[in-house]
Amino acid sequence: MPQITVEVVYATREKQKLVNIRVEEGCSAAQAIERSGLLAEFPEINLAASKIGIFAKMVKPETVLRDKDRVEIYRPLIADPKEVRRQRVADGKVMKKGGGEA
């Protein structure tokens, strides 16, 4: 069966890892993640609960990969950006834009 090359990527605050692997055509994003070895290296990854994407576009685990795709495993957000902004507004703090004076 013909093979394709894909990258699988995961990052923590301390470390990022990019793995190039060869898989058979028709391989799903979830299968590529499992074959990449990242689940063993980062045991905190819960593939059933993690969101994944291809080149920053969210996809389902069963999405079939194409040659040179980059599969990204996303970590959950620590803080909801919308909630942080609401809290700043409630506290009367002004956000700076463009590094200039607010």
PDB file of N, CA and C in Angstrom:
ATOM      1  N   MET A   1       0.850  -1.181   0.000  1.00  0.00           N
ATOM      2  CA  MET A   1       0.000   0.000   0.000  1.00  0.00           C
ATOM      3  C   MET A   1       0.902   1.252   0.000  1.00  0.00           C
ATOM      4  N   PRO A   2       0.568   2.254  -0.794  1.00  0.00           N
ATOM      5  CA  PRO A   2       1.381   3.476  -0.842  1.00  0.00           C
ATOM      6  C   PRO A   2       1.408   4.191   0.517  1.00  0.00           C
ATOM      7  N   GLN A   3       2.516   4.887   0.766  1.00  0.00           N
ATOM      8  CA  GLN A   3       2.667   5.584   2.036  1.00  0.00           C
ATOM      9  C   GLN A   3       2.756   7.092   1.813  1.00  0.00           C
ATOM     10  N   ILE A   4       2.427   7.828   2.882  1.00  0.00           N
ATOM     11  CA  ILE A   4       2.536   9.281   2.888  1.00  0.00           C
ATOM     12  C   ILE A   4       3.349   9.695   4.116  1.00  0.00           C
ATOM     13  N   THR A   5       3.860  10.920   4.092  1.00  0.00           N
ATOM     14  CA  THR A   5       4.607  11.453   5.229  1.00  0.00           C
ATOM     15  C   THR A   5       3.749  12.509   5.910  1.00  0.00           C
ATOM     16  N   VAL A   6       3.637  12.414   7.239  1.00  0.00           N
ATOM     17  CA  VAL A   6       2.895  13.409   8.017  1.00  0.00           C
ATOM     18  C   VAL A   6       3.713  13.795   9.239  1.00  0.00           C
ATOM     19  N   GLU A   7       3.394  14.948   9.803  1.00  0.00           N
ATOM     20  CA  GLU A   7       3.998  15.388  11.056  1.00  0.00           C
ATOM     21  C   GLU A   7       2.926  15.326  12.136  1.00  0.00           C
ATOM     22  N   VAL A   8       3.345  14.962  13.345  1.00  0.00           N
ATOM     23  CA  VAL A   8       2.450  15.005  14.495  1.00  0.00           C
ATOM     24  C   VAL A   8       3.129  15.902  15.521  1.00  0.00           C
ATOM     25  N   VAL A   9       2.366  16.878  16.054  1.00  0.00           N
ATOM     26  CA  VAL A   9       2.932  17.908  16.912  1.00  0.00           C
ATOM     27  C   VAL A   9       2.171  18.002  18.231  1.00  0.00           C
ATOM     28  N   TYR A  10       2.941  18.186  19.318  1.00  0.00           N
ATOM     29  CA  TYR A  10       2.351  18.450  20.630  1.00  0.00           C
ATOM     30  C   TYR A  10       3.315  19.340  21.402  1.00  0.00           C
ATOM     31  N   ALA A  11       2.773  20.245  22.203  1.00  0.00           N
ATOM     32  CA  ALA A  11       3.632  21.143  22.976  1.00  0.00           C
ATOM     33  C   ALA A  11       3.066  21.360  24.367  1.00  0.00           C
ATOM     34  N   THR A  12       3.979  21.441  25.326  1.00  0.00           N
ATOM     35  CA  THR A  12       3.631  21.859  26.685  1.00  0.00           C
ATOM     36  C   THR A  12       4.302  23.207  26.898  1.00  0.00           C
ATOM     37  N   ARG A  13       4.169  23.771  28.078  1.00  0.00           N
ATOM     38  CA  ARG A  13       4.847  25.037  28.355  1.00  0.00           C
ATOM     39  C   ARG A  13       6.367  24.866  28.304  1.00  0.00           C
ATOM     40  N   GLU A  14       6.850  23.703  28.678  1.00  0.00           N
ATOM     41  CA  GLU A  14       8.286  23.467  28.777  1.00  0.00           C
ATOM     42  C   GLU A  14       8.914  22.861  27.529  1.00  0.00           C
ATOM     43  N   LYS A  15       8.125  22.165  26.736  1.00  0.00           N
ATOM     44  CA  LYS A  15       8.709  21.354  25.675  1.00  0.00           C
ATOM     45  C   LYS A  15       7.750  21.238  24.497  1.00  0.00           C
ATOM     46  N   GLN A  16       8.313  21.217  23.310  1.00  0.00           N
ATOM     47  CA  GLN A  16       7.490  20.921  22.145  1.00  0.00           C
ATOM     48  C   GLN A  16       8.132  19.776  21.372  1.00  0.00           C
ATOM     49  N   LYS A  17       7.305  19.010  20.722  1.00  0.00           N
ATOM     50  CA  LYS A  17       7.806  17.838  20.006  1.00  0.00           C
ATOM     51  C   LYS A  17       7.109  17.732  18.668  1.00  0.00           C
ATOM     52  N   LEU A  18       7.892  17.547  17.612  1.00  0.00           N
ATOM     53  CA  LEU A  18       7.389  17.351  16.268  1.00  0.00           C
ATOM     54  C   LEU A  18       7.967  16.030  15.764  1.00  0.00           C
ATOM     55  N   VAL A  19       7.104  15.149  15.353  1.00  0.00           N
ATOM     56  CA  VAL A  19       7.537  13.825  14.894  1.00  0.00           C
ATOM     57  C   VAL A  19       7.100  13.636  13.444  1.00  0.00           C
ATOM     58  N   ASN A  20       8.048  13.338  12.574  1.00  0.00           N
ATOM     59  CA  ASN A  20       7.740  12.989  11.178  1.00  0.00           C
ATOM     60  C   ASN A  20       7.592  11.478  11.104  1.00  0.00           C
ATOM     61  N   ILE A  21       6.488  11.030  10.529  1.00  0.00           N
ATOM     62  CA  ILE A  21       6.277   9.591  10.387  1.00  0.00           C
ATOM     63  C   ILE A  21       5.751   9.279   8.992  1.00  0.00           C
ATOM     64  N   ARG A  22       5.961   8.049   8.574  1.00  0.00           N
ATOM     65  CA  ARG A  22       5.384   7.549   7.322  1.00  0.00           C
ATOM     66  C   ARG A  22       4.250   6.610   7.695  1.00  0.00           C
ATOM     67  N   VAL A  23       3.108   6.839   7.067  1.00  0.00           N
ATOM     68  CA  VAL A  23       1.924   6.015   7.314  1.00  0.00           C
ATOM     69  C   VAL A  23       1.325   5.625   5.977  1.00  0.00           C
ATOM     70  N   GLU A  24       0.479   4.624   5.990  1.00  0.00           N
ATOM     71  CA  GLU A  24      -0.162   4.209   4.752  1.00  0.00           C
ATOM     72  C   GLU A  24      -1.260   5.197   4.371  1.00  0.00           C
ATOM     73  N   GLU A  25      -1.499   5.331   3.081  1.00  0.00           N
ATOM     74  CA  GLU A  25      -2.604   6.170   2.610  1.00  0.00           C
ATOM     75  C   GLU A  25      -3.885   5.690   3.260  1.00  0.00           C
ATOM     76  N   GLY A  26      -4.764   6.625   3.599  1.00  0.00           N
ATOM     77  CA  GLY A  26      -6.019   6.262   4.256  1.00  0.00           C
ATOM     78  C   GLY A  26      -5.917   6.287   5.766  1.00  0.00           C
ATOM     79  N   CYS A  27      -4.746   6.597   6.301  1.00  0.00           N
ATOM     80  CA  CYS A  27      -4.541   6.658   7.752  1.00  0.00           C
ATOM     81  C   CYS A  27      -5.317   7.842   8.327  1.00  0.00           C
ATOM     82  N   SER A  28      -5.908   7.644   9.508  1.00  0.00           N
ATOM     83  CA  SER A  28      -6.654   8.721  10.161  1.00  0.00           C
ATOM     84  C   SER A  28      -5.721   9.533  11.061  1.00  0.00           C
ATOM     85  N   ALA A  29      -6.190  10.705  11.462  1.00  0.00           N
ATOM     86  CA  ALA A  29      -5.417  11.560  12.359  1.00  0.00           C
ATOM     87  C   ALA A  29      -5.144  10.826  13.677  1.00  0.00           C
ATOM     88  N   ALA A  30      -6.139  10.136  14.219  1.00  0.00           N
ATOM     89  CA  ALA A  30      -5.963   9.408  15.483  1.00  0.00           C
ATOM     90  C   ALA A  30      -4.924   8.297  15.332  1.00  0.00           C
ATOM     91  N   GLN A  31      -4.949   7.585  14.220  1.00  0.00           N
ATOM     92  CA  GLN A  31      -3.976   6.514  13.996  1.00  0.00           C
ATOM     93  C   GLN A  31      -2.566   7.079  13.907  1.00  0.00           C
ATOM     94  N   ALA A  32      -2.413   8.216  13.244  1.00  0.00           N
ATOM     95  CA  ALA A  32      -1.089   8.840  13.134  1.00  0.00           C
ATOM     96  C   ALA A  32      -0.572   9.263  14.508  1.00  0.00           C
ATOM     97  N   ILE A  33      -1.460   9.806  15.336  1.00  0.00           N
ATOM     98  CA  ILE A  33      -1.054  10.205  16.689  1.00  0.00           C
ATOM     99  C   ILE A  33      -0.585   8.984  17.474  1.00  0.00           C
ATOM    100  N   GLU A  34      -1.330   7.898  17.391  1.00  0.00           N
ATOM    101  CA  GLU A  34      -0.955   6.677  18.111  1.00  0.00           C
ATOM    102  C   GLU A  34       0.395   6.146  17.626  1.00  0.00           C
ATOM    103  N   ARG A  35       0.651   6.205  16.336  1.00  0.00           N
ATOM    104  CA  ARG A  35       1.899   5.686  15.774  1.00  0.00           C
ATOM    105  C   ARG A  35       3.090   6.612  16.000  1.00  0.00           C
ATOM    106  N   SER A  36       2.819   7.858  16.347  1.00  0.00           N
ATOM    107  CA  SER A  36       3.897   8.837  16.518  1.00  0.00           C
ATOM    108  C   SER A  36       4.730   8.613  17.776  1.00  0.00           C
ATOM    109  N   GLY A  37       4.168   7.918  18.769  1.00  0.00           N
ATOM    110  CA  GLY A  37       4.866   7.713  20.029  1.00  0.00           C
ATOM    111  C   GLY A  37       4.651   8.849  21.023  1.00  0.00           C
ATOM    112  N   LEU A  38       3.918   9.874  20.641  1.00  0.00           N
ATOM    113  CA  LEU A  38       3.701  11.009  21.548  1.00  0.00           C
ATOM    114  C   LEU A  38       2.831  10.646  22.748  1.00  0.00           C
ATOM    115  N   LEU A  39       1.927   9.699  22.587  1.00  0.00           N
ATOM    116  CA  LEU A  39       1.076   9.300  23.715  1.00  0.00           C
ATOM    117  C   LEU A  39       1.900   8.653  24.822  1.00  0.00           C
ATOM    118  N   ALA A  40       2.961   7.952  24.449  1.00  0.00           N
ATOM    119  CA  ALA A  40       3.842   7.349  25.454  1.00  0.00           C
ATOM    120  C   ALA A  40       4.743   8.404  26.080  1.00  0.00           C
ATOM    121  N   GLU A  41       5.204   9.355  25.278  1.00  0.00           N
ATOM    122  CA  GLU A  41       6.111  10.385  25.766  1.00  0.00           C
ATOM    123  C   GLU A  41       5.396  11.430  26.630  1.00  0.00           C
ATOM    124  N   PHE A  42       4.129  11.687  26.329  1.00  0.00           N
ATOM    125  CA  PHE A  42       3.327  12.655  27.089  1.00  0.00           C
ATOM    126  C   PHE A  42       2.080  11.948  27.616  1.00  0.00           C
ATOM    127  N   PRO A  43       2.205  11.227  28.735  1.00  0.00           N
ATOM    128  CA  PRO A  43       1.068  10.443  29.234  1.00  0.00           C
ATOM    129  C   PRO A  43      -0.140  11.286  29.637  1.00  0.00           C
ATOM    130  N   GLU A  44       0.045  12.606  29.774  1.00  0.00           N
ATOM    131  CA  GLU A  44      -1.086  13.461  30.139  1.00  0.00           C
ATOM    132  C   GLU A  44      -2.065  13.662  28.985  1.00  0.00           C
ATOM    133  N   ILE A  45      -1.675  13.283  27.772  1.00  0.00           N
ATOM    134  CA  ILE A  45      -2.581  13.434  26.623  1.00  0.00           C
ATOM    135  C   ILE A  45      -3.702  12.418  26.753  1.00  0.00           C
ATOM    136  N   ASN A  46      -4.925  12.924  26.735  1.00  0.00           N
ATOM    137  CA  ASN A  46      -6.108  12.063  26.719  1.00  0.00           C
ATOM    138  C   ASN A  46      -6.721  12.233  25.339  1.00  0.00           C
ATOM    139  N   LEU A  47      -6.409  11.342  24.440  1.00  0.00           N
ATOM    140  CA  LEU A  47      -6.824  11.480  23.052  1.00  0.00           C
ATOM    141  C   LEU A  47      -8.347  11.558  22.916  1.00  0.00           C
ATOM    142  N   ALA A  48      -9.079  10.888  23.804  1.00  0.00           N
ATOM    143  CA  ALA A  48     -10.539  10.922  23.732  1.00  0.00           C
ATOM    144  C   ALA A  48     -11.079  12.311  24.074  1.00  0.00           C
ATOM    145  N   ALA A  49     -10.355  13.066  24.903  1.00  0.00           N
ATOM    146  CA  ALA A  49     -10.823  14.385  25.331  1.00  0.00           C
ATOM    147  C   ALA A  49     -10.112  15.533  24.637  1.00  0.00           C
ATOM    148  N   SER A  50      -8.974  15.262  24.010  1.00  0.00           N
ATOM    149  CA  SER A  50      -8.193  16.330  23.378  1.00  0.00           C
ATOM    150  C   SER A  50      -8.772  16.714  22.026  1.00  0.00           C
ATOM    151  N   LYS A  51      -8.663  17.993  21.719  1.00  0.00           N
ATOM    152  CA  LYS A  51      -9.032  18.460  20.392  1.00  0.00           C
ATOM    153  C   LYS A  51      -7.797  18.348  19.514  1.00  0.00           C
ATOM    154  N   ILE A  52      -8.028  18.041  18.239  1.00  0.00           N
ATOM    155  CA  ILE A  52      -6.908  17.931  17.311  1.00  0.00           C
ATOM    156  C   ILE A  52      -7.216  18.737  16.052  1.00  0.00           C
ATOM    157  N   GLY A  53      -6.158  19.074  15.325  1.00  0.00           N
ATOM    158  CA  GLY A  53      -6.338  19.842  14.106  1.00  0.00           C
ATOM    159  C   GLY A  53      -5.281  19.480  13.082  1.00  0.00           C
ATOM    160  N   ILE A  54      -5.518  19.946  11.872  1.00  0.00           N
ATOM    161  CA  ILE A  54      -4.536  19.830  10.800  1.00  0.00           C
ATOM    162  C   ILE A  54      -4.273  21.249  10.322  1.00  0.00           C
ATOM    163  N   PHE A  55      -3.035  21.705  10.482  1.00  0.00           N
ATOM    164  CA  PHE A  55      -2.656  23.071  10.137  1.00  0.00           C
ATOM    165  C   PHE A  55      -3.628  24.083  10.751  1.00  0.00           C
ATOM    166  N   ALA A  56      -3.864  23.959  12.064  1.00  0.00           N
ATOM    167  CA  ALA A  56      -4.672  24.892  12.870  1.00  0.00           C
ATOM    168  C   ALA A  56      -6.167  24.863  12.543  1.00  0.00           C
ATOM    169  N   LYS A  57      -6.628  23.895  11.802  1.00  0.00           N
ATOM    170  CA  LYS A  57      -8.050  23.746  11.534  1.00  0.00           C
ATOM    171  C   LYS A  57      -8.541  22.501  12.258  1.00  0.00           C
ATOM    172  N   MET A  58      -9.520  22.675  13.135  1.00  0.00           N
ATOM    173  CA  MET A  58     -10.030  21.551  13.921  1.00  0.00           C
ATOM    174  C   MET A  58     -10.576  20.458  13.014  1.00  0.00           C
ATOM    175  N   VAL A  59     -10.242  19.217  13.367  1.00  0.00           N
ATOM    176  CA  VAL A  59     -10.735  18.064  12.619  1.00  0.00           C
ATOM    177  C   VAL A  59     -11.151  16.976  13.592  1.00  0.00           C
ATOM    178  N   LYS A  60     -11.898  16.020  13.092  1.00  0.00           N
ATOM    179  CA  LYS A  60     -12.285  14.861  13.894  1.00  0.00           C
ATOM    180  C   LYS A  60     -11.161  13.829  13.844  1.00  0.00           C
ATOM    181  N   PRO A  61     -11.056  12.994  14.875  1.00  0.00           N
ATOM    182  CA  PRO A  61      -9.978  11.979  14.895  1.00  0.00           C
ATOM    183  C   PRO A  61      -9.994  11.039  13.692  1.00  0.00           C
ATOM    184  N   GLU A  62     -11.168  10.809  13.120  1.00  0.00           N
ATOM    185  CA  GLU A  62     -11.253   9.879  11.990  1.00  0.00           C
ATOM    186  C   GLU A  62     -10.946  10.529  10.638  1.00  0.00           C
ATOM    187  N   THR A  63     -10.568  11.800  10.636  1.00  0.00           N
ATOM    188  CA  THR A  63     -10.227  12.495   9.394  1.00  0.00           C
ATOM    189  C   THR A  63      -9.053  11.798   8.708  1.00  0.00           C
ATOM    190  N   VAL A  64      -9.205  11.525   7.420  1.00  0.00           N
ATOM    191  CA  VAL A  64      -8.154  10.859   6.644  1.00  0.00           C
ATOM    192  C   VAL A  64      -7.092  11.887   6.266  1.00  0.00           C
ATOM    193  N   LEU A  65      -5.844  11.514   6.478  1.00  0.00           N
ATOM    194  CA  LEU A  65      -4.724  12.422   6.231  1.00  0.00           C
ATOM    195  C   LEU A  65      -4.275  12.395   4.786  1.00  0.00           C
ATOM    196  N   ARG A  66      -3.634  13.522   4.393  1.00  0.00           N
ATOM    197  CA  ARG A  66      -3.021  13.623   3.078  1.00  0.00           C
ATOM    198  C   ARG A  66      -1.523  13.798   3.274  1.00  0.00           C
ATOM    199  N   ASP A  67      -0.783  13.583   2.210  1.00  0.00           N
ATOM    200  CA  ASP A  67       0.670  13.717   2.277  1.00  0.00           C
ATOM    201  C   ASP A  67       1.053  15.111   2.770  1.00  0.00           C
ATOM    202  N   LYS A  68       2.000  15.159   3.687  1.00  0.00           N
ATOM    203  CA  LYS A  68       2.561  16.382   4.267  1.00  0.00           C
ATOM    204  C   LYS A  68       1.621  17.136   5.200  1.00  0.00           C
ATOM    205  N   ASP A  69       0.548  16.495   5.686  1.00  0.00           N
ATOM    206  CA  ASP A  69      -0.317  17.111   6.694  1.00  0.00           C
ATOM    207  C   ASP A  69       0.436  17.229   8.020  1.00  0.00           C
ATOM    208  N   ARG A  70       0.084  18.234   8.811  1.00  0.00           N
ATOM    209  CA  ARG A  70       0.629  18.373  10.168  1.00  0.00           C
ATOM    210  C   ARG A  70      -0.536  18.217  11.137  1.00  0.00           C
ATOM    211  N   VAL A  71      -0.507  17.138  11.914  1.00  0.00           N
ATOM    212  CA  VAL A  71      -1.550  16.859  12.898  1.00  0.00           C
ATOM    213  C   VAL A  71      -1.125  17.494  14.218  1.00  0.00           C
ATOM    214  N   GLU A  72      -1.989  18.335  14.776  1.00  0.00           N
ATOM    215  CA  GLU A  72      -1.679  19.055  16.006  1.00  0.00           C
ATOM    216  C   GLU A  72      -2.605  18.589  17.125  1.00  0.00           C
ATOM    217  N   ILE A  73      -2.018  18.291  18.269  1.00  0.00           N
ATOM    218  CA  ILE A  73      -2.791  17.897  19.456  1.00  0.00           C
ATOM    219  C   ILE A  73      -2.851  19.124  20.352  1.00  0.00           C
ATOM    220  N   TYR A  74      -4.066  19.571  20.669  1.00  0.00           N
ATOM    221  CA  TYR A  74      -4.230  20.791  21.456  1.00  0.00           C
ATOM    222  C   TYR A  74      -4.446  20.479  22.930  1.00  0.00           C
ATOM    223  N   ARG A  75      -3.823  21.303  23.781  1.00  0.00           N
ATOM    224  CA  ARG A  75      -4.032  21.205  25.219  1.00  0.00           C
ATOM    225  C   ARG A  75      -5.249  22.041  25.591  1.00  0.00           C
ATOM    226  N   PRO A  76      -5.925  21.702  26.685  1.00  0.00           N
ATOM    227  CA  PRO A  76      -7.046  22.545  27.116  1.00  0.00           C
ATOM    228  C   PRO A  76      -6.525  23.902  27.591  1.00  0.00           C
ATOM    229  N   LEU A  77      -7.329  24.941  27.403  1.00  0.00           N
ATOM    230  CA  LEU A  77      -6.954  26.266  27.878  1.00  0.00           C
ATOM    231  C   LEU A  77      -6.972  26.297  29.395  1.00  0.00           C
ATOM    232  N   ILE A  78      -5.998  26.999  29.974  1.00  0.00           N
ATOM    233  CA  ILE A  78      -5.958  27.148  31.431  1.00  0.00           C
ATOM    234  C   ILE A  78      -7.006  28.156  31.870  1.00  0.00           C
ATOM    235  N   ALA A  79      -7.160  29.226  31.099  1.00  0.00           N
ATOM    236  CA  ALA A  79      -8.155  30.255  31.400  1.00  0.00           C
ATOM    237  C   ALA A  79      -8.898  30.603  30.121  1.00  0.00           C
ATOM    238  N   ASP A  80     -10.189  30.829  30.251  1.00  0.00           N
ATOM    239  CA  ASP A  80     -11.003  31.227  29.117  1.00  0.00           C
ATOM    240  C   ASP A  80     -10.692  32.681  28.783  1.00  0.00           C
ATOM    241  N   PRO A  81     -10.176  32.963  27.572  1.00  0.00           N
ATOM    242  CA  PRO A  81      -9.804  34.330  27.224  1.00  0.00           C
ATOM    243  C   PRO A  81     -10.950  35.335  27.367  1.00  0.00           C
ATOM    244  N   LYS A  82     -12.163  34.908  27.048  1.00  0.00           N
ATOM    245  CA  LYS A  82     -13.314  35.814  27.176  1.00  0.00           C
ATOM    246  C   LYS A  82     -13.564  36.160  28.643  1.00  0.00           C
ATOM    247  N   GLU A  83     -13.435  35.170  29.504  1.00  0.00           N
ATOM    248  CA  GLU A  83     -13.659  35.412  30.932  1.00  0.00           C
ATOM    249  C   GLU A  83     -12.573  36.317  31.511  1.00  0.00           C
ATOM    250  N   VAL A  84     -11.331  36.141  31.084  1.00  0.00           N
ATOM    251  CA  VAL A  84     -10.230  36.991  31.545  1.00  0.00           C
ATOM    252  C   VAL A  84     -10.507  38.435  31.147  1.00  0.00           C
ATOM    253  N   ARG A  85     -10.969  38.654  29.922  1.00  0.00           N
ATOM    254  CA  ARG A  85     -11.276  40.011  29.452  1.00  0.00           C
ATOM    255  C   ARG A  85     -12.429  40.606  30.261  1.00  0.00           C
ATOM    256  N   ARG A  86     -13.471  39.811  30.502  1.00  0.00           N
ATOM    257  CA  ARG A  86     -14.595  40.305  31.315  1.00  0.00           C
ATOM    258  C   ARG A  86     -14.121  40.733  32.694  1.00  0.00           C
ATOM    259  N   GLN A  87     -13.217  39.947  33.272  1.00  0.00           N
ATOM    260  CA  GLN A  87     -12.700  40.257  34.606  1.00  0.00           C
ATOM    261  C   GLN A  87     -11.897  41.549  34.588  1.00  0.00           C
ATOM    262  N   ARG A  88     -11.103  41.759  33.533  1.00  0.00           N
ATOM    263  CA  ARG A  88     -10.342  43.008  33.416  1.00  0.00           C
ATOM    264  C   ARG A  88     -11.273  44.210  33.342  1.00  0.00           C
ATOM    265  N   VAL A  89     -12.343  44.072  32.558  1.00  0.00           N
ATOM    266  CA  VAL A  89     -13.306  45.163  32.430  1.00  0.00           C
ATOM    267  C   VAL A  89     -13.964  45.425  33.787  1.00  0.00           C
ATOM    268  N   ALA A  90     -14.342  44.371  34.476  1.00  0.00           N
ATOM    269  CA  ALA A  90     -14.974  44.515  35.788  1.00  0.00           C
ATOM    270  C   ALA A  90     -14.030  45.179  36.784  1.00  0.00           C
ATOM    271  N   ASP A  91     -12.734  44.914  36.670  1.00  0.00           N
ATOM    272  CA  ASP A  91     -11.743  45.510  37.572  1.00  0.00           C
ATOM    273  C   ASP A  91     -11.351  46.921  37.137  1.00  0.00           C
ATOM    274  N   GLY A  92     -11.860  47.362  35.993  1.00  0.00           N
ATOM    275  CA  GLY A  92     -11.551  48.700  35.511  1.00  0.00           C
ATOM    276  C   GLY A  92     -10.201  48.822  34.835  1.00  0.00           C
ATOM    277  N   LYS A  93      -9.603  47.713  34.470  1.00  0.00           N
ATOM    278  CA  LYS A  93      -8.306  47.748  33.811  1.00  0.00           C
ATOM    279  C   LYS A  93      -8.503  47.913  32.314  1.00  0.00           C
ATOM    280  N   VAL A  94      -7.619  48.666  31.687  1.00  0.00           N
ATOM    281  CA  VAL A  94      -7.673  48.907  30.255  1.00  0.00           C
ATOM    282  C   VAL A  94      -6.629  48.060  29.578  1.00  0.00           C
ATOM    283  N   MET A  95      -7.024  47.413  28.474  1.00  0.00           N
ATOM    284  CA  MET A  95      -6.059  46.617  27.713  1.00  0.00           C
ATOM    285  C   MET A  95      -5.331  47.536  26.748  1.00  0.00           C
ATOM    286  N   LYS A  96      -4.033  47.366  26.646  1.00  0.00           N
ATOM    287  CA  LYS A  96      -3.223  48.131  25.690  1.00  0.00           C
ATOM    288  C   LYS A  96      -3.242  47.421  24.354  1.00  0.00           C
ATOM    289  N   LYS A  97      -3.302  48.209  23.295  1.00  0.00           N
ATOM    290  CA  LYS A  97      -3.235  47.642  21.951  1.00  0.00           C
ATOM    291  C   LYS A  97      -2.028  48.224  21.251  1.00  0.00           C
ATOM    292  N   GLY A  98      -1.258  47.414  20.609  1.00  0.00           N
ATOM    293  CA  GLY A  98      -0.124  47.872  19.825  1.00  0.00           C
ATOM    294  C   GLY A  98       1.038  48.375  20.648  1.00  0.00           C
ATOM    295  N   GLY A  99       1.049  48.133  21.937  1.00  0.00           N
ATOM    296  CA  GLY A  99       2.181  48.505  22.773  1.00  0.00           C
ATOM    297  C   GLY A  99       2.230  49.981  23.107  1.00  0.00           C
ATOM    298  N   GLY A 100       1.228  50.766  22.666  1.00  0.00           N
ATOM    299  CA  GLY A 100       1.211  52.201  22.957  1.00  0.00           C
ATOM    300  C   GLY A 100       0.554  52.494  24.294  1.00  0.00           C
ATOM    301  N   GLU A 101       0.434  53.762  24.586  1.00  0.00           N
ATOM    302  CA  GLU A 101      -0.223  54.169  25.833  1.00  0.00           C
ATOM    303  C   GLU A 101      -1.715  53.936  25.737  1.00  0.00           C
ATOM    304  N   ALA A 102      -2.309  53.528  26.838  1.00  0.00           N
ATOM    305  CA  ALA A 102      -3.755  53.274  26.843  1.00  0.00           C
ATOM    306  C   ALA A 102      -4.492  54.508  27.300  1.00  0.00           C
TER     307      ALA A 102
END
